[in-house]
Amino acid sequence: MKVKVLLFADLREVAGQGELALELPEGSTVGGMLRAIEGIYPALAGRLPQVKVAVGRRLAGPEAVIRPGEEVALLPPVGGG
């Protein structure tokens, strides 16, 4: 199944793009998707444990199942003051 993954802030800079098009097996979870991204983009691996993941504009945990065509956003931690 095809999944569009949006990257923001430093994730976008490290990947060199703001959007990834992934091909994942049906029934993939958020955790499985993050492992797939680590394999394709090793430079992101150290940052992914800290990201929040939104699936269909709702925060989702690692066990959440991703549906075909779903839009996923990786949201890095925000700092500042």
N, C-alpha and C. Protein backbone atom coordinates (compact mmCIF):
# COMPACT_ATOMS: atom_id res chain seq x y z
N MET A 1 0.84 -1.17 0.00
CA MET A 1 0.00 0.00 0.00
C MET A 1 0.89 1.24 0.00
N LYS A 2 0.39 2.31 -0.57
CA LYS A 2 1.14 3.56 -0.63
C LYS A 2 0.75 4.45 0.54
N VAL A 3 1.77 5.06 1.15
CA VAL A 3 1.56 5.96 2.27
C VAL A 3 2.39 7.21 2.04
N LYS A 4 1.77 8.37 2.25
CA LYS A 4 2.49 9.65 2.15
C LYS A 4 2.89 10.07 3.56
N VAL A 5 4.20 10.33 3.73
CA VAL A 5 4.72 10.72 5.04
C VAL A 5 5.27 12.14 4.92
N LEU A 6 4.73 13.04 5.74
CA LEU A 6 5.17 14.43 5.75
C LEU A 6 6.23 14.62 6.83
N LEU A 7 7.29 15.33 6.49
CA LEU A 7 8.38 15.60 7.43
C LEU A 7 8.44 17.09 7.73
N PHE A 8 8.75 17.42 8.97
CA PHE A 8 8.81 18.81 9.37
C PHE A 8 10.12 19.12 10.07
N ALA A 9 10.48 20.39 10.09
CA ALA A 9 11.64 20.93 10.80
C ALA A 9 12.93 20.18 10.44
N ASP A 10 13.68 19.74 11.46
CA ASP A 10 14.98 19.12 11.18
C ASP A 10 14.86 17.79 10.44
N LEU A 11 13.73 17.11 10.58
CA LEU A 11 13.53 15.86 9.82
C LEU A 11 13.55 16.15 8.33
N ARG A 12 12.91 17.23 7.94
CA ARG A 12 12.89 17.64 6.53
C ARG A 12 14.30 17.97 6.05
N GLU A 13 15.04 18.67 6.87
CA GLU A 13 16.41 19.06 6.49
C GLU A 13 17.31 17.83 6.34
N VAL A 14 17.23 16.90 7.27
CA VAL A 14 18.08 15.71 7.23
C VAL A 14 17.74 14.84 6.01
N ALA A 15 16.45 14.67 5.73
CA ALA A 15 16.03 13.83 4.60
C ALA A 15 16.22 14.54 3.26
N GLY A 16 16.31 15.87 3.30
CA GLY A 16 16.46 16.62 2.06
C GLY A 16 15.16 16.76 1.28
N GLN A 17 14.04 16.46 1.93
CA GLN A 17 12.73 16.59 1.31
C GLN A 17 11.66 16.64 2.39
N GLY A 18 10.53 17.19 2.05
CA GLY A 18 9.45 17.34 3.01
C GLY A 18 8.40 16.25 2.97
N GLU A 19 8.52 15.35 2.00
CA GLU A 19 7.51 14.31 1.85
C GLU A 19 8.16 13.03 1.34
N LEU A 20 7.77 11.92 1.95
CA LEU A 20 8.24 10.60 1.52
C LEU A 20 7.05 9.82 0.99
N ALA A 21 7.25 9.07 -0.07
CA ALA A 21 6.24 8.16 -0.58
C ALA A 21 6.73 6.74 -0.27
N LEU A 22 6.04 6.07 0.63
CA LEU A 22 6.45 4.73 1.04
C LEU A 22 5.50 3.68 0.50
N GLU A 23 6.05 2.54 0.21
CA GLU A 23 5.26 1.36 -0.13
C GLU A 23 5.40 0.41 1.04
N LEU A 24 4.31 0.16 1.76
CA LEU A 24 4.31 -0.69 2.95
C LEU A 24 3.34 -1.85 2.76
N PRO A 25 3.58 -2.96 3.46
CA PRO A 25 2.61 -4.07 3.40
C PRO A 25 1.27 -3.67 4.03
N GLU A 26 0.20 -4.22 3.52
CA GLU A 26 -1.13 -3.99 4.12
C GLU A 26 -1.07 -4.35 5.60
N GLY A 27 -1.74 -3.55 6.42
CA GLY A 27 -1.79 -3.82 7.85
C GLY A 27 -0.58 -3.33 8.62
N SER A 28 0.29 -2.56 7.98
CA SER A 28 1.47 -2.03 8.67
C SER A 28 1.07 -1.11 9.81
N THR A 29 1.88 -1.12 10.84
CA THR A 29 1.65 -0.25 11.99
C THR A 29 2.59 0.95 11.92
N VAL A 30 2.34 1.92 12.78
CA VAL A 30 3.22 3.08 12.87
C VAL A 30 4.63 2.63 13.22
N GLY A 31 4.76 1.70 14.16
CA GLY A 31 6.09 1.20 14.53
C GLY A 31 6.80 0.55 13.35
N GLY A 32 6.09 -0.24 12.57
CA GLY A 32 6.67 -0.87 11.39
C GLY A 32 7.08 0.15 10.35
N MET A 33 6.27 1.19 10.19
CA MET A 33 6.59 2.25 9.24
C MET A 33 7.86 2.97 9.67
N LEU A 34 7.99 3.25 10.97
CA LEU A 34 9.20 3.94 11.45
C LEU A 34 10.44 3.08 11.22
N ARG A 35 10.33 1.77 11.42
CA ARG A 35 11.46 0.88 11.14
C ARG A 35 11.81 0.89 9.66
N ALA A 36 10.80 0.93 8.80
CA ALA A 36 11.04 0.99 7.35
C ALA A 36 11.75 2.29 6.99
N ILE A 37 11.34 3.39 7.58
CA ILE A 37 11.98 4.68 7.30
C ILE A 37 13.43 4.65 7.75
N GLU A 38 13.70 4.06 8.91
CA GLU A 38 15.08 3.95 9.39
C GLU A 38 15.95 3.19 8.39
N GLY A 39 15.39 2.16 7.77
CA GLY A 39 16.15 1.38 6.79
C GLY A 39 16.43 2.15 5.51
N ILE A 40 15.48 2.97 5.09
CA ILE A 40 15.63 3.72 3.85
C ILE A 40 16.43 5.00 4.07
N TYR A 41 16.23 5.66 5.22
CA TYR A 41 16.88 6.93 5.55
C TYR A 41 17.62 6.79 6.88
N PRO A 42 18.78 6.12 6.89
CA PRO A 42 19.49 5.89 8.15
C PRO A 42 19.83 7.17 8.91
N ALA A 43 19.98 8.28 8.22
CA ALA A 43 20.30 9.55 8.89
C ALA A 43 19.16 9.99 9.81
N LEU A 44 17.94 9.52 9.57
CA LEU A 44 16.80 9.88 10.42
C LEU A 44 16.67 8.98 11.64
N ALA A 45 17.35 7.85 11.65
CA ALA A 45 17.17 6.83 12.68
C ALA A 45 17.30 7.39 14.10
N GLY A 46 18.30 8.20 14.36
CA GLY A 46 18.51 8.72 15.71
C GLY A 46 17.45 9.72 16.14
N ARG A 47 16.73 10.28 15.21
CA ARG A 47 15.70 11.27 15.53
C ARG A 47 14.31 10.67 15.70
N LEU A 48 14.07 9.53 15.10
CA LEU A 48 12.71 8.96 15.08
C LEU A 48 12.17 8.55 16.45
N PRO A 49 13.01 8.09 17.41
CA PRO A 49 12.42 7.73 18.71
C PRO A 49 11.76 8.91 19.44
N GLN A 50 12.12 10.14 19.10
CA GLN A 50 11.55 11.30 19.78
C GLN A 50 10.35 11.91 19.06
N VAL A 51 10.03 11.45 17.86
CA VAL A 51 8.95 12.09 17.11
C VAL A 51 7.58 11.65 17.59
N LYS A 52 6.62 12.52 17.39
CA LYS A 52 5.20 12.17 17.53
C LYS A 52 4.73 11.85 16.12
N VAL A 53 3.82 10.91 16.00
CA VAL A 53 3.32 10.52 14.69
C VAL A 53 1.82 10.81 14.65
N ALA A 54 1.41 11.50 13.60
CA ALA A 54 -0.01 11.75 13.37
C ALA A 54 -0.43 10.97 12.14
N VAL A 55 -1.48 10.20 12.28
CA VAL A 55 -2.05 9.43 11.17
C VAL A 55 -3.44 10.00 10.92
N GLY A 56 -3.65 10.52 9.72
CA GLY A 56 -4.95 11.13 9.44
C GLY A 56 -5.25 12.30 10.37
N ARG A 57 -4.21 13.07 10.72
CA ARG A 57 -4.31 14.27 11.57
C ARG A 57 -4.66 13.98 13.03
N ARG A 58 -4.42 12.73 13.46
CA ARG A 58 -4.61 12.36 14.87
C ARG A 58 -3.35 11.68 15.35
N LEU A 59 -2.91 12.02 16.56
CA LEU A 59 -1.73 11.37 17.11
C LEU A 59 -1.97 9.88 17.25
N ALA A 60 -0.93 9.12 16.93
CA ALA A 60 -1.07 7.66 16.94
C ALA A 60 0.16 7.03 17.58
N GLY A 61 -0.05 5.95 18.31
CA GLY A 61 1.03 5.21 18.94
C GLY A 61 1.62 4.19 17.97
N PRO A 62 2.68 3.50 18.40
CA PRO A 62 3.37 2.56 17.52
C PRO A 62 2.53 1.38 17.06
N GLU A 63 1.48 1.06 17.80
CA GLU A 63 0.64 -0.09 17.45
C GLU A 63 -0.50 0.27 16.49
N ALA A 64 -0.68 1.55 16.22
CA ALA A 64 -1.77 1.99 15.34
C ALA A 64 -1.55 1.47 13.91
N VAL A 65 -2.61 0.96 13.32
CA VAL A 65 -2.55 0.44 11.94
C VAL A 65 -2.77 1.60 10.96
N ILE A 66 -1.96 1.59 9.91
CA ILE A 66 -2.06 2.62 8.87
C ILE A 66 -2.88 2.05 7.72
N ARG A 67 -3.84 2.81 7.25
CA ARG A 67 -4.69 2.37 6.13
C ARG A 67 -4.10 2.82 4.80
N PRO A 68 -4.41 2.13 3.71
CA PRO A 68 -3.91 2.52 2.40
C PRO A 68 -4.28 3.97 2.06
N GLY A 69 -3.33 4.71 1.52
CA GLY A 69 -3.56 6.09 1.12
C GLY A 69 -3.53 7.10 2.25
N GLU A 70 -3.31 6.62 3.46
CA GLU A 70 -3.32 7.49 4.64
C GLU A 70 -2.16 8.48 4.59
N GLU A 71 -2.42 9.68 5.09
CA GLU A 71 -1.37 10.68 5.23
C GLU A 71 -0.82 10.61 6.66
N VAL A 72 0.49 10.50 6.75
CA VAL A 72 1.16 10.38 8.05
C VAL A 72 2.11 11.56 8.20
N ALA A 73 2.16 12.16 9.36
CA ALA A 73 3.09 13.27 9.63
C ALA A 73 4.01 12.89 10.77
N LEU A 74 5.30 13.17 10.58
CA LEU A 74 6.29 12.97 11.65
C LEU A 74 6.58 14.34 12.24
N LEU A 75 6.29 14.47 13.53
CA LEU A 75 6.39 15.76 14.21
C LEU A 75 7.52 15.70 15.23
N PRO A 76 8.63 16.40 14.96
CA PRO A 76 9.74 16.38 15.90
C PRO A 76 9.41 17.16 17.16
N PRO A 77 10.17 16.93 18.25
CA PRO A 77 9.92 17.71 19.47
C PRO A 77 10.15 19.19 19.19
N VAL A 78 9.36 20.01 19.84
CA VAL A 78 9.46 21.45 19.65
C VAL A 78 10.06 22.06 20.90
N GLY A 79 11.05 22.89 20.72
CA GLY A 79 11.68 23.57 21.85
C GLY A 79 11.58 25.08 21.65
N GLY A 80 11.96 25.78 22.64
CA GLY A 80 11.95 27.23 22.51
C GLY A 80 11.32 27.86 23.73
N GLY A 81 11.16 29.14 23.62
CA GLY A 81 10.58 29.79 24.78
C GLY A 81 10.13 31.17 24.50
